[in-house]
Amino acid sequence: MFEVRVEDDFAAAHFLRDYHGKCEALHGHNYKVFVHVRGKELNEGGMLLDFTQLKAALKKVLATLDHTNLNDNPFFDQNPSAERIALYICQNVQAELDAQKKDVRLYSVDVFETDRNRATYYPN
């Protein structure tokens, strides 16, 4: 099994509805995101997936989140937790790869709100 991981970041604001604590107030994070792809087969160039292609897909998805209030994004239903952000990124990066006809599946997405706090989503 081979695994490729790329990383990028974005800045955004959010608040957590139905949360009782300081995070129910509007605040921001400099999020760090890791996207992992796994597979058994390498392409003719000896790669699972070119880093450049995976980075481009991630960058395109993160551009939809960067410098926004995540609560304004209907996907999050007014509650953009790190877990839901990881799900959003996973679904949209996979859609980008599918549109490019890349025969790879995302294995996981890590979303770090801080250096110490992260949520991970594993599709399927």
PDB file of N, CA and C in Angstrom:
ATOM      1  N   MET A   1       0.846  -1.173   0.000  1.00  0.00           N
ATOM      2  CA  MET A   1       0.000   0.000   0.000  1.00  0.00           C
ATOM      3  C   MET A   1       0.894   1.240   0.000  1.00  0.00           C
ATOM      4  N   PHE A   2       0.539   2.195  -0.851  1.00  0.00           N
ATOM      5  CA  PHE A   2       1.269   3.454  -0.927  1.00  0.00           C
ATOM      6  C   PHE A   2       0.379   4.568  -0.383  1.00  0.00           C
ATOM      7  N   GLU A   3       0.998   5.582   0.186  1.00  0.00           N
ATOM      8  CA  GLU A   3       0.258   6.739   0.675  1.00  0.00           C
ATOM      9  C   GLU A   3       0.984   8.003   0.277  1.00  0.00           C
ATOM     10  N   VAL A   4       0.207   8.977  -0.182  1.00  0.00           N
ATOM     11  CA  VAL A   4       0.716  10.303  -0.520  1.00  0.00           C
ATOM     12  C   VAL A   4      -0.045  11.297   0.342  1.00  0.00           C
ATOM     13  N   ARG A   5       0.678  12.254   0.913  1.00  0.00           N
ATOM     14  CA  ARG A   5       0.038  13.275   1.732  1.00  0.00           C
ATOM     15  C   ARG A   5       0.510  14.649   1.296  1.00  0.00           C
ATOM     16  N   VAL A   6      -0.428  15.589   1.180  1.00  0.00           N
ATOM     17  CA  VAL A   6      -0.081  16.982   0.955  1.00  0.00           C
ATOM     18  C   VAL A   6      -0.707  17.804   2.070  1.00  0.00           C
ATOM     19  N   GLU A   7      -0.203  19.010   2.201  1.00  0.00           N
ATOM     20  CA  GLU A   7      -0.662  19.882   3.272  1.00  0.00           C
ATOM     21  C   GLU A   7      -0.833  21.291   2.729  1.00  0.00           C
ATOM     22  N   ASP A   8      -1.816  21.987   3.266  1.00  0.00           N
ATOM     23  CA  ASP A   8      -2.034  23.395   2.933  1.00  0.00           C
ATOM     24  C   ASP A   8      -2.731  24.025   4.122  1.00  0.00           C
ATOM     25  N   ASP A   9      -3.057  25.300   4.011  1.00  0.00           N
ATOM     26  CA  ASP A   9      -3.719  25.978   5.120  1.00  0.00           C
ATOM     27  C   ASP A   9      -4.684  27.027   4.594  1.00  0.00           C
ATOM     28  N   PHE A  10      -5.545  27.481   5.492  1.00  0.00           N
ATOM     29  CA  PHE A  10      -6.459  28.575   5.187  1.00  0.00           C
ATOM     30  C   PHE A  10      -6.838  29.247   6.492  1.00  0.00           C
ATOM     31  N   ALA A  11      -7.314  30.481   6.386  1.00  0.00           N
ATOM     32  CA  ALA A  11      -7.770  31.238   7.547  1.00  0.00           C
ATOM     33  C   ALA A  11      -9.255  31.493   7.394  1.00  0.00           C
ATOM     34  N   ALA A  12      -9.997  31.305   8.486  1.00  0.00           N
ATOM     35  CA  ALA A  12     -11.440  31.534   8.426  1.00  0.00           C
ATOM     36  C   ALA A  12     -11.978  31.794   9.825  1.00  0.00           C
ATOM     37  N   ALA A  13     -13.159  32.382   9.849  1.00  0.00           N
ATOM     38  CA  ALA A  13     -13.866  32.631  11.101  1.00  0.00           C
ATOM     39  C   ALA A  13     -15.029  31.660  11.211  1.00  0.00           C
ATOM     40  N   HIS A  14     -15.466  31.425  12.442  1.00  0.00           N
ATOM     41  CA  HIS A  14     -16.654  30.619  12.669  1.00  0.00           C
ATOM     42  C   HIS A  14     -17.107  30.779  14.109  1.00  0.00           C
ATOM     43  N   PHE A  15     -18.282  30.284  14.384  1.00  0.00           N
ATOM     44  CA  PHE A  15     -18.751  30.124  15.755  1.00  0.00           C
ATOM     45  C   PHE A  15     -19.519  28.822  15.804  1.00  0.00           C
ATOM     46  N   LEU A  16     -19.605  28.241  16.975  1.00  0.00           N
ATOM     47  CA  LEU A  16     -20.268  26.953  17.130  1.00  0.00           C
ATOM     48  C   LEU A  16     -21.620  27.147  17.800  1.00  0.00           C
ATOM     49  N   ARG A  17     -22.654  26.881  17.048  1.00  0.00           N
ATOM     50  CA  ARG A  17     -24.010  26.953  17.564  1.00  0.00           C
ATOM     51  C   ARG A  17     -24.230  25.761  18.497  1.00  0.00           C
ATOM     52  N   ASP A  18     -25.053  25.937  19.480  1.00  0.00           N
ATOM     53  CA  ASP A  18     -25.357  24.874  20.445  1.00  0.00           C
ATOM     54  C   ASP A  18     -24.137  24.448  21.248  1.00  0.00           C
ATOM     55  N   TYR A  19     -23.182  25.328  21.370  1.00  0.00           N
ATOM     56  CA  TYR A  19     -21.984  25.067  22.165  1.00  0.00           C
ATOM     57  C   TYR A  19     -22.011  26.034  23.340  1.00  0.00           C
ATOM     58  N   HIS A  20     -21.676  25.570  24.501  1.00  0.00           N
ATOM     59  CA  HIS A  20     -21.703  26.417  25.677  1.00  0.00           C
ATOM     60  C   HIS A  20     -20.283  26.643  26.169  1.00  0.00           C
ATOM     61  N   GLY A  21     -19.720  27.736  25.733  1.00  0.00           N
ATOM     62  CA  GLY A  21     -18.339  28.075  26.056  1.00  0.00           C
ATOM     63  C   GLY A  21     -17.884  29.197  25.150  1.00  0.00           C
ATOM     64  N   LYS A  22     -16.606  29.528  25.231  1.00  0.00           N
ATOM     65  CA  LYS A  22     -16.119  30.690  24.482  1.00  0.00           C
ATOM     66  C   LYS A  22     -16.190  30.499  22.964  1.00  0.00           C
ATOM     67  N   CYS A  23     -16.259  29.270  22.471  1.00  0.00           N
ATOM     68  CA  CYS A  23     -16.304  29.036  21.020  1.00  0.00           C
ATOM     69  C   CYS A  23     -17.680  29.305  20.411  1.00  0.00           C
ATOM     70  N   GLU A  24     -18.663  29.655  21.245  1.00  0.00           N
ATOM     71  CA  GLU A  24     -19.961  30.036  20.689  1.00  0.00           C
ATOM     72  C   GLU A  24     -19.917  31.468  20.163  1.00  0.00           C
ATOM     73  N   ALA A  25     -18.864  32.212  20.500  1.00  0.00           N
ATOM     74  CA  ALA A  25     -18.678  33.556  19.964  1.00  0.00           C
ATOM     75  C   ALA A  25     -17.861  33.475  18.670  1.00  0.00           C
ATOM     76  N   LEU A  26     -18.087  34.409  17.780  1.00  0.00           N
ATOM     77  CA  LEU A  26     -17.332  34.459  16.529  1.00  0.00           C
ATOM     78  C   LEU A  26     -15.836  34.580  16.833  1.00  0.00           C
ATOM     79  N   HIS A  27     -15.050  33.726  16.206  1.00  0.00           N
ATOM     80  CA  HIS A  27     -13.598  33.727  16.363  1.00  0.00           C
ATOM     81  C   HIS A  27     -12.974  33.117  15.110  1.00  0.00           C
ATOM     82  N   GLY A  28     -11.666  33.167  15.005  1.00  0.00           N
ATOM     83  CA  GLY A  28     -11.008  32.651  13.811  1.00  0.00           C
ATOM     84  C   GLY A  28      -9.887  31.684  14.118  1.00  0.00           C
ATOM     85  N   HIS A  29      -9.510  30.958  13.070  1.00  0.00           N
ATOM     86  CA  HIS A  29      -8.397  30.008  13.154  1.00  0.00           C
ATOM     87  C   HIS A  29      -7.560  30.117  11.884  1.00  0.00           C
ATOM     88  N   ASN A  30      -6.311  29.777  12.025  1.00  0.00           N
ATOM     89  CA  ASN A  30      -5.451  29.514  10.886  1.00  0.00           C
ATOM     90  C   ASN A  30      -5.377  27.994  10.788  1.00  0.00           C
ATOM     91  N   TYR A  31      -6.261  27.434   9.975  1.00  0.00           N
ATOM     92  CA  TYR A  31      -6.393  25.983   9.859  1.00  0.00           C
ATOM     93  C   TYR A  31      -5.246  25.399   9.045  1.00  0.00           C
ATOM     94  N   LYS A  32      -4.786  24.237   9.444  1.00  0.00           N
ATOM     95  CA  LYS A  32      -3.839  23.453   8.656  1.00  0.00           C
ATOM     96  C   LYS A  32      -4.569  22.185   8.232  1.00  0.00           C
ATOM     97  N   VAL A  33      -4.376  21.776   6.985  1.00  0.00           N
ATOM     98  CA  VAL A  33      -5.093  20.631   6.442  1.00  0.00           C
ATOM     99  C   VAL A  33      -4.101  19.655   5.811  1.00  0.00           C
ATOM    100  N   PHE A  34      -4.240  18.373   6.162  1.00  0.00           N
ATOM    101  CA  PHE A  34      -3.495  17.294   5.519  1.00  0.00           C
ATOM    102  C   PHE A  34      -4.509  16.443   4.763  1.00  0.00           C
ATOM    103  N   VAL A  35      -4.194  16.125   3.517  1.00  0.00           N
ATOM    104  CA  VAL A  35      -5.022  15.233   2.709  1.00  0.00           C
ATOM    105  C   VAL A  35      -4.170  14.022   2.349  1.00  0.00           C
ATOM    106  N   HIS A  36      -4.690  12.825   2.656  1.00  0.00           N
ATOM    107  CA  HIS A  36      -3.980  11.566   2.428  1.00  0.00           C
ATOM    108  C   HIS A  36      -4.697  10.761   1.348  1.00  0.00           C
ATOM    109  N   VAL A  37      -3.929  10.241   0.411  1.00  0.00           N
ATOM    110  CA  VAL A  37      -4.444   9.353  -0.632  1.00  0.00           C
ATOM    111  C   VAL A  37      -3.678   8.047  -0.523  1.00  0.00           C
ATOM    112  N   ARG A  38      -4.394   6.931  -0.590  1.00  0.00           N
ATOM    113  CA  ARG A  38      -3.754   5.617  -0.545  1.00  0.00           C
ATOM    114  C   ARG A  38      -4.141   4.792  -1.754  1.00  0.00           C
ATOM    115  N   GLY A  39      -3.264   3.886  -2.125  1.00  0.00           N
ATOM    116  CA  GLY A  39      -3.554   2.974  -3.214  1.00  0.00           C
ATOM    117  C   GLY A  39      -2.479   1.922  -3.359  1.00  0.00           C
ATOM    118  N   LYS A  40      -2.791   0.888  -4.112  1.00  0.00           N
ATOM    119  CA  LYS A  40      -1.859  -0.222  -4.315  1.00  0.00           C
ATOM    120  C   LYS A  40      -1.104  -0.134  -5.631  1.00  0.00           C
ATOM    121  N   GLU A  41      -1.656   0.612  -6.582  1.00  0.00           N
ATOM    122  CA  GLU A  41      -1.079   0.645  -7.927  1.00  0.00           C
ATOM    123  C   GLU A  41      -0.418   1.975  -8.226  1.00  0.00           C
ATOM    124  N   LEU A  42       0.783   1.922  -8.777  1.00  0.00           N
ATOM    125  CA  LEU A  42       1.480   3.124  -9.214  1.00  0.00           C
ATOM    126  C   LEU A  42       1.230   3.342 -10.699  1.00  0.00           C
ATOM    127  N   ASN A  43       1.270   4.599 -11.115  1.00  0.00           N
ATOM    128  CA  ASN A  43       1.078   4.889 -12.533  1.00  0.00           C
ATOM    129  C   ASN A  43       2.358   4.603 -13.310  1.00  0.00           C
ATOM    130  N   GLU A  44       2.334   4.869 -14.611  1.00  0.00           N
ATOM    131  CA  GLU A  44       3.485   4.570 -15.463  1.00  0.00           C
ATOM    132  C   GLU A  44       4.729   5.347 -15.058  1.00  0.00           C
ATOM    133  N   GLY A  45       4.542   6.454 -14.345  1.00  0.00           N
ATOM    134  CA  GLY A  45       5.677   7.246 -13.868  1.00  0.00           C
ATOM    135  C   GLY A  45       6.184   6.813 -12.501  1.00  0.00           C
ATOM    136  N   GLY A  46       5.601   5.738 -11.957  1.00  0.00           N
ATOM    137  CA  GLY A  46       6.036   5.241 -10.662  1.00  0.00           C
ATOM    138  C   GLY A  46       5.450   5.985  -9.478  1.00  0.00           C
ATOM    139  N   MET A  47       4.330   6.703  -9.719  1.00  0.00           N
ATOM    140  CA  MET A  47       3.702   7.476  -8.649  1.00  0.00           C
ATOM    141  C   MET A  47       2.266   7.011  -8.427  1.00  0.00           C
ATOM    142  N   LEU A  48       1.831   7.109  -7.200  1.00  0.00           N
ATOM    143  CA  LEU A  48       0.417   6.883  -6.897  1.00  0.00           C
ATOM    144  C   LEU A  48      -0.395   8.032  -7.479  1.00  0.00           C
ATOM    145  N   LEU A  49       0.038   9.240  -7.217  1.00  0.00           N
ATOM    146  CA  LEU A  49      -0.573  10.464  -7.743  1.00  0.00           C
ATOM    147  C   LEU A  49       0.466  11.559  -7.632  1.00  0.00           C
ATOM    148  N   ASP A  50       0.593  12.350  -8.660  1.00  0.00           N
ATOM    149  CA  ASP A  50       1.545  13.454  -8.653  1.00  0.00           C
ATOM    150  C   ASP A  50       1.170  14.433  -7.541  1.00  0.00           C
ATOM    151  N   PHE A  51       2.128  14.799  -6.699  1.00  0.00           N
ATOM    152  CA  PHE A  51       1.878  15.763  -5.627  1.00  0.00           C
ATOM    153  C   PHE A  51       1.226  17.038  -6.162  1.00  0.00           C
ATOM    154  N   THR A  52       1.686  17.495  -7.322  1.00  0.00           N
ATOM    155  CA  THR A  52       1.177  18.738  -7.895  1.00  0.00           C
ATOM    156  C   THR A  52      -0.325  18.664  -8.138  1.00  0.00           C
ATOM    157  N   GLN A  53      -0.799  17.532  -8.615  1.00  0.00           N
ATOM    158  CA  GLN A  53      -2.229  17.380  -8.891  1.00  0.00           C
ATOM    159  C   GLN A  53      -3.050  17.364  -7.607  1.00  0.00           C
ATOM    160  N   LEU A  54      -2.553  16.687  -6.594  1.00  0.00           N
ATOM    161  CA  LEU A  54      -3.267  16.643  -5.321  1.00  0.00           C
ATOM    162  C   LEU A  54      -3.243  18.010  -4.641  1.00  0.00           C
ATOM    163  N   LYS A  55      -2.102  18.692  -4.692  1.00  0.00           N
ATOM    164  CA  LYS A  55      -2.012  20.028  -4.105  1.00  0.00           C
ATOM    165  C   LYS A  55      -2.963  20.996  -4.801  1.00  0.00           C
ATOM    166  N   ALA A  56      -3.066  20.901  -6.128  1.00  0.00           N
ATOM    167  CA  ALA A  56      -3.957  21.801  -6.872  1.00  0.00           C
ATOM    168  C   ALA A  56      -5.418  21.570  -6.499  1.00  0.00           C
ATOM    169  N   ALA A  57      -5.805  20.305  -6.356  1.00  0.00           N
ATOM    170  CA  ALA A  57      -7.186  19.994  -5.966  1.00  0.00           C
ATOM    171  C   ALA A  57      -7.484  20.538  -4.573  1.00  0.00           C
ATOM    172  N   LEU A  58      -6.555  20.346  -3.648  1.00  0.00           N
ATOM    173  CA  LEU A  58      -6.752  20.851  -2.293  1.00  0.00           C
ATOM    174  C   LEU A  58      -6.808  22.370  -2.285  1.00  0.00           C
ATOM    175  N   LYS A  59      -5.911  23.010  -2.984  1.00  0.00           N
ATOM    176  CA  LYS A  59      -5.882  24.474  -3.031  1.00  0.00           C
ATOM    177  C   LYS A  59      -7.191  25.031  -3.574  1.00  0.00           C
ATOM    178  N   LYS A  60      -7.748  24.415  -4.593  1.00  0.00           N
ATOM    179  CA  LYS A  60      -9.007  24.874  -5.171  1.00  0.00           C
ATOM    180  C   LYS A  60     -10.146  24.787  -4.151  1.00  0.00           C
ATOM    181  N   VAL A  61     -10.192  23.718  -3.398  1.00  0.00           N
ATOM    182  CA  VAL A  61     -11.244  23.545  -2.387  1.00  0.00           C
ATOM    183  C   VAL A  61     -11.046  24.534  -1.239  1.00  0.00           C
ATOM    184  N   LEU A  62      -9.810  24.692  -0.778  1.00  0.00           N
ATOM    185  CA  LEU A  62      -9.569  25.603   0.336  1.00  0.00           C
ATOM    186  C   LEU A  62      -9.852  27.062  -0.034  1.00  0.00           C
ATOM    187  N   ALA A  63      -9.732  27.390  -1.301  1.00  0.00           N
ATOM    188  CA  ALA A  63     -10.051  28.756  -1.743  1.00  0.00           C
ATOM    189  C   ALA A  63     -11.513  29.097  -1.484  1.00  0.00           C
ATOM    190  N   THR A  64     -12.381  28.087  -1.440  1.00  0.00           N
ATOM    191  CA  THR A  64     -13.801  28.340  -1.163  1.00  0.00           C
ATOM    192  C   THR A  64     -14.050  28.634   0.316  1.00  0.00           C
ATOM    193  N   LEU A  65     -13.079  28.330   1.167  1.00  0.00           N
ATOM    194  CA  LEU A  65     -13.204  28.534   2.610  1.00  0.00           C
ATOM    195  C   LEU A  65     -12.362  29.696   3.126  1.00  0.00           C
ATOM    196  N   ASP A  66     -11.282  30.001   2.434  1.00  0.00           N
ATOM    197  CA  ASP A  66     -10.297  30.962   2.920  1.00  0.00           C
ATOM    198  C   ASP A  66     -10.897  32.355   3.093  1.00  0.00           C
ATOM    199  N   HIS A  67     -10.629  32.944   4.251  1.00  0.00           N
ATOM    200  CA  HIS A  67     -11.079  34.295   4.601  1.00  0.00           C
ATOM    201  C   HIS A  67     -12.589  34.459   4.478  1.00  0.00           C
ATOM    202  N   THR A  68     -13.318  33.442   4.943  1.00  0.00           N
ATOM    203  CA  THR A  68     -14.774  33.518   4.989  1.00  0.00           C
ATOM    204  C   THR A  68     -15.237  33.289   6.424  1.00  0.00           C
ATOM    205  N   ASN A  69     -16.509  33.588   6.652  1.00  0.00           N
ATOM    206  CA  ASN A  69     -17.173  33.147   7.871  1.00  0.00           C
ATOM    207  C   ASN A  69     -17.792  31.811   7.509  1.00  0.00           C
ATOM    208  N   LEU A  70     -17.280  30.743   8.049  1.00  0.00           N
ATOM    209  CA  LEU A  70     -17.728  29.404   7.670  1.00  0.00           C
ATOM    210  C   LEU A  70     -19.208  29.187   7.973  1.00  0.00           C
ATOM    211  N   ASN A  71     -19.759  29.931   8.907  1.00  0.00           N
ATOM    212  CA  ASN A  71     -21.180  29.807   9.216  1.00  0.00           C
ATOM    213  C   ASN A  71     -22.057  30.244   8.048  1.00  0.00           C
ATOM    214  N   ASP A  72     -21.505  31.008   7.117  1.00  0.00           N
ATOM    215  CA  ASP A  72     -22.266  31.441   5.940  1.00  0.00           C
ATOM    216  C   ASP A  72     -22.350  30.365   4.865  1.00  0.00           C
ATOM    217  N   ASN A  73     -21.574  29.305   4.999  1.00  0.00           N
ATOM    218  CA  ASN A  73     -21.563  28.222   4.015  1.00  0.00           C
ATOM    219  C   ASN A  73     -22.695  27.245   4.358  1.00  0.00           C
ATOM    220  N   PRO A  74     -23.680  27.065   3.463  1.00  0.00           N
ATOM    221  CA  PRO A  74     -24.814  26.191   3.763  1.00  0.00           C
ATOM    222  C   PRO A  74     -24.437  24.755   4.114  1.00  0.00           C
ATOM    223  N   PHE A  75     -23.307  24.279   3.630  1.00  0.00           N
ATOM    224  CA  PHE A  75     -22.894  22.904   3.912  1.00  0.00           C
ATOM    225  C   PHE A  75     -22.822  22.640   5.411  1.00  0.00           C
ATOM    226  N   PHE A  76     -22.376  23.635   6.163  1.00  0.00           N
ATOM    227  CA  PHE A  76     -22.120  23.440   7.584  1.00  0.00           C
ATOM    228  C   PHE A  76     -23.358  23.613   8.460  1.00  0.00           C
ATOM    229  N   ASP A  77     -24.474  23.996   7.881  1.00  0.00           N
ATOM    230  CA  ASP A  77     -25.728  24.138   8.626  1.00  0.00           C
ATOM    231  C   ASP A  77     -25.519  24.963   9.896  1.00  0.00           C
ATOM    232  N   GLN A  78     -24.813  26.079   9.727  1.00  0.00           N
ATOM    233  CA  GLN A  78     -24.559  27.014  10.833  1.00  0.00           C
ATOM    234  C   GLN A  78     -23.751  26.413  11.979  1.00  0.00           C
ATOM    235  N   ASN A  79     -23.076  25.303  11.746  1.00  0.00           N
ATOM    236  CA  ASN A  79     -22.282  24.695  12.810  1.00  0.00           C
ATOM    237  C   ASN A  79     -21.007  24.077  12.237  1.00  0.00           C
ATOM    238  N   PRO A  80     -20.053  24.929  11.831  1.00  0.00           N
ATOM    239  CA  PRO A  80     -18.843  24.438  11.168  1.00  0.00           C
ATOM    240  C   PRO A  80     -17.786  23.921  12.143  1.00  0.00           C
ATOM    241  N   SER A  81     -18.008  22.732  12.635  1.00  0.00           N
ATOM    242  CA  SER A  81     -17.021  22.077  13.495  1.00  0.00           C
ATOM    243  C   SER A  81     -15.839  21.610  12.641  1.00  0.00           C
ATOM    244  N   ALA A  82     -14.741  21.316  13.276  1.00  0.00           N
ATOM    245  CA  ALA A  82     -13.578  20.790  12.553  1.00  0.00           C
ATOM    246  C   ALA A  82     -13.928  19.487  11.840  1.00  0.00           C
ATOM    247  N   GLU A  83     -14.809  18.688  12.449  1.00  0.00           N
ATOM    248  CA  GLU A  83     -15.228  17.427  11.837  1.00  0.00           C
ATOM    249  C   GLU A  83     -15.978  17.681  10.526  1.00  0.00           C
ATOM    250  N   ARG A  84     -16.880  18.650  10.539  1.00  0.00           N
ATOM    251  CA  ARG A  84     -17.633  18.960   9.310  1.00  0.00           C
ATOM    252  C   ARG A  84     -16.751  19.603   8.251  1.00  0.00           C
ATOM    253  N   ILE A  85     -15.774  20.374   8.684  1.00  0.00           N
ATOM    254  CA  ILE A  85     -14.831  20.964   7.731  1.00  0.00           C
ATOM    255  C   ILE A  85     -14.030  19.855   7.050  1.00  0.00           C
ATOM    256  N   ALA A  86     -13.597  18.863   7.819  1.00  0.00           N
ATOM    257  CA  ALA A  86     -12.859  17.732   7.240  1.00  0.00           C
ATOM    258  C   ALA A  86     -13.721  16.977   6.231  1.00  0.00           C
ATOM    259  N   LEU A  87     -14.992  16.765   6.547  1.00  0.00           N
ATOM    260  CA  LEU A  87     -15.912  16.103   5.619  1.00  0.00           C
ATOM    261  C   LEU A  87     -16.063  16.906   4.338  1.00  0.00           C
ATOM    262  N   TYR A  88     -16.270  18.212   4.459  1.00  0.00           N
ATOM    263  CA  TYR A  88     -16.419  19.102   3.299  1.00  0.00           C
ATOM    264  C   TYR A  88     -15.190  19.017   2.394  1.00  0.00           C
ATOM    265  N   ILE A  89     -14.018  19.129   2.999  1.00  0.00           N
ATOM    266  CA  ILE A  89     -12.777  19.085   2.226  1.00  0.00           C
ATOM    267  C   ILE A  89     -12.634  17.732   1.537  1.00  0.00           C
ATOM    268  N   CYS A  90     -12.905  16.658   2.249  1.00  0.00           N
ATOM    269  CA  CYS A  90     -12.786  15.318   1.672  1.00  0.00           C
ATOM    270  C   CYS A  90     -13.695  15.158   0.456  1.00  0.00           C
ATOM    271  N   GLN A  91     -14.954  15.493   0.608  1.00  0.00           N
ATOM    272  CA  GLN A  91     -15.907  15.313  -0.490  1.00  0.00           C
ATOM    273  C   GLN A  91     -15.533  16.161  -1.699  1.00  0.00           C
ATOM    274  N   ASN A  92     -15.099  17.381  -1.457  1.00  0.00           N
ATOM    275  CA  ASN A  92     -14.803  18.278  -2.570  1.00  0.00           C
ATOM    276  C   ASN A  92     -13.460  17.997  -3.233  1.00  0.00           C
ATOM    277  N   VAL A  93     -12.456  17.587  -2.472  1.00  0.00           N
ATOM    278  CA  VAL A  93     -11.179  17.202  -3.091  1.00  0.00           C
ATOM    279  C   VAL A  93     -11.385  15.929  -3.914  1.00  0.00           C
ATOM    280  N   GLN A  94     -12.150  14.971  -3.378  1.00  0.00           N
ATOM    281  CA  GLN A  94     -12.414  13.749  -4.144  1.00  0.00           C
ATOM    282  C   GLN A  94     -13.144  14.079  -5.443  1.00  0.00           C
ATOM    283  N   ALA A  95     -14.086  15.002  -5.390  1.00  0.00           N
ATOM    284  CA  ALA A  95     -14.805  15.412  -6.606  1.00  0.00           C
ATOM    285  C   ALA A  95     -13.854  16.039  -7.619  1.00  0.00           C
ATOM    286  N   GLU A  96     -12.902  16.827  -7.147  1.00  0.00           N
ATOM    287  CA  GLU A  96     -11.903  17.420  -8.051  1.00  0.00           C
ATOM    288  C   GLU A  96     -11.058  16.339  -8.712  1.00  0.00           C
ATOM    289  N   LEU A  97     -10.622  15.367  -7.939  1.00  0.00           N
ATOM    290  CA  LEU A  97      -9.810  14.275  -8.493  1.00  0.00           C
ATOM    291  C   LEU A  97     -10.624  13.440  -9.470  1.00  0.00           C
ATOM    292  N   ASP A  98     -11.884  13.184  -9.140  1.00  0.00           N
ATOM    293  CA  ASP A  98     -12.756  12.435 -10.046  1.00  0.00           C
ATOM    294  C   ASP A  98     -12.937  13.186 -11.361  1.00  0.00           C
ATOM    295  N   ALA A  99     -13.093  14.507 -11.284  1.00  0.00           N
ATOM    296  CA  ALA A  99     -13.266  15.324 -12.493  1.00  0.00           C
ATOM    297  C   ALA A  99     -12.015  15.290 -13.370  1.00  0.00           C
ATOM    298  N   GLN A 100     -10.863  15.113 -12.741  1.00  0.00           N
ATOM    299  CA  GLN A 100      -9.599  15.002 -13.486  1.00  0.00           C
ATOM    300  C   GLN A 100      -9.335  13.573 -13.953  1.00  0.00           C
ATOM    301  N   LYS A 101     -10.292  12.682 -13.682  1.00  0.00           N
ATOM    302  CA  LYS A 101     -10.175  11.277 -14.065  1.00  0.00           C
ATOM    303  C   LYS A 101      -8.995  10.589 -13.384  1.00  0.00           C
ATOM    304  N   LYS A 102      -8.735  10.998 -12.136  1.00  0.00           N
ATOM    305  CA  LYS A 102      -7.684  10.356 -11.348  1.00  0.00           C
ATOM    306  C   LYS A 102      -8.313   9.176 -10.616  1.00  0.00           C
ATOM    307  N   ASP A 103      -7.747   8.024 -10.793  1.00  0.00           N
ATOM    308  CA  ASP A 103      -8.298   6.800 -10.222  1.00  0.00           C
ATOM    309  C   ASP A 103      -7.696   6.540  -8.840  1.00  0.00           C
ATOM    310  N   VAL A 104      -7.924   7.490  -7.929  1.00  0.00           N
ATOM    311  CA  VAL A 104      -7.443   7.354  -6.561  1.00  0.00           C
ATOM    312  C   VAL A 104      -8.565   7.738  -5.612  1.00  0.00           C
ATOM    313  N   ARG A 105      -8.486   7.240  -4.389  1.00  0.00           N
ATOM    314  CA  ARG A 105      -9.484   7.540  -3.368  1.00  0.00           C
ATOM    315  C   ARG A 105      -8.790   8.191  -2.179  1.00  0.00           C
ATOM    316  N   LEU A 106      -9.425   9.210  -1.629  1.00  0.00           N
ATOM    317  CA  LEU A 106      -8.906   9.807  -0.413  1.00  0.00           C
ATOM    318  C   LEU A 106      -9.011   8.808   0.720  1.00  0.00           C
ATOM    319  N   TYR A 107      -7.960   8.751   1.521  1.00  0.00           N
ATOM    320  CA  TYR A 107      -7.950   7.872   2.678  1.00  0.00           C
ATOM    321  C   TYR A 107      -8.393   8.633   3.934  1.00  0.00           C
ATOM    322  N   SER A 108      -7.877   9.858   4.078  1.00  0.00           N
ATOM    323  CA  SER A 108      -8.268  10.648   5.240  1.00  0.00           C
ATOM    324  C   SER A 108      -7.963  12.121   5.013  1.00  0.00           C
ATOM    325  N   VAL A 109      -8.639  12.953   5.814  1.00  0.00           N
ATOM    326  CA  VAL A 109      -8.395  14.394   5.830  1.00  0.00           C
ATOM    327  C   VAL A 109      -8.262  14.813   7.290  1.00  0.00           C
ATOM    328  N   ASP A 110      -7.166  15.479   7.613  1.00  0.00           N
ATOM    329  CA  ASP A 110      -6.936  16.028   8.943  1.00  0.00           C
ATOM    330  C   ASP A 110      -7.123  17.532   8.887  1.00  0.00           C
ATOM    331  N   VAL A 111      -7.905  18.075   9.800  1.00  0.00           N
ATOM    332  CA  VAL A 111      -8.089  19.516   9.919  1.00  0.00           C
ATOM    333  C   VAL A 111      -7.623  19.923  11.316  1.00  0.00           C
ATOM    334  N   PHE A 112      -6.580  20.729  11.358  1.00  0.00           N
ATOM    335  CA  PHE A 112      -6.033  21.237  12.613  1.00  0.00           C
ATOM    336  C   PHE A 112      -6.576  22.644  12.845  1.00  0.00           C
ATOM    337  N   GLU A 113      -7.280  22.842  13.958  1.00  0.00           N
ATOM    338  CA  GLU A 113      -7.670  24.198  14.350  1.00  0.00           C
ATOM    339  C   GLU A 113      -6.499  24.897  15.021  1.00  0.00           C
ATOM    340  N   THR A 114      -5.712  24.132  15.726  1.00  0.00           N
ATOM    341  CA  THR A 114      -4.485  24.619  16.353  1.00  0.00           C
ATOM    342  C   THR A 114      -3.447  23.513  16.181  1.00  0.00           C
ATOM    343  N   ASP A 115      -2.246  23.780  16.621  1.00  0.00           N
ATOM    344  CA  ASP A 115      -1.207  22.750  16.545  1.00  0.00           C
ATOM    345  C   ASP A 115      -1.536  21.535  17.405  1.00  0.00           C
ATOM    346  N   ARG A 116      -2.402  21.705  18.395  1.00  0.00           N
ATOM    347  CA  ARG A 116      -2.709  20.625  19.321  1.00  0.00           C
ATOM    348  C   ARG A 116      -4.073  19.981  19.113  1.00  0.00           C
ATOM    349  N   ASN A 117      -4.915  20.590  18.302  1.00  0.00           N
ATOM    350  CA  ASN A 117      -6.295  20.110  18.164  1.00  0.00           C
ATOM    351  C   ASN A 117      -6.630  19.845  16.701  1.00  0.00           C
ATOM    352  N   ARG A 118      -7.048  18.615  16.425  1.00  0.00           N
ATOM    353  CA  ARG A 118      -7.389  18.269  15.049  1.00  0.00           C
ATOM    354  C   ARG A 118      -8.566  17.309  15.031  1.00  0.00           C
ATOM    355  N   ALA A 119      -9.241  17.317  13.890  1.00  0.00           N
ATOM    356  CA  ALA A 119     -10.279  16.329  13.606  1.00  0.00           C
ATOM    357  C   ALA A 119      -9.878  15.616  12.325  1.00  0.00           C
ATOM    358  N   THR A 120     -10.168  14.324  12.253  1.00  0.00           N
ATOM    359  CA  THR A 120      -9.829  13.530  11.081  1.00  0.00           C
ATOM    360  C   THR A 120     -11.104  12.878  10.558  1.00  0.00           C
ATOM    361  N   TYR A 121     -11.255  12.887   9.221  1.00  0.00           N
ATOM    362  CA  TYR A 121     -12.375  12.209   8.576  1.00  0.00           C
ATOM    363  C   TYR A 121     -11.814  11.119   7.678  1.00  0.00           C
ATOM    364  N   TYR A 122     -12.387   9.919   7.803  1.00  0.00           N
ATOM    365  CA  TYR A 122     -12.040   8.770   6.970  1.00  0.00           C
ATOM    366  C   TYR A 122     -13.287   8.399   6.157  1.00  0.00           C
ATOM    367  N   PRO A 123     -13.273   8.606   4.845  1.00  0.00           N
ATOM    368  CA  PRO A 123     -14.454   8.216   4.056  1.00  0.00           C
ATOM    369  C   PRO A 123     -14.584   6.704   4.005  1.00  0.00           C
ATOM    370  N   ASN A 124     -15.798   6.230   3.998  1.00  0.00           N
ATOM    371  CA  ASN A 124     -16.138   4.788   3.922  1.00  0.00           C
ATOM    372  C   ASN A 124     -15.510   4.042   5.020  1.00  0.00           C
TER     373      ASN A 124
END
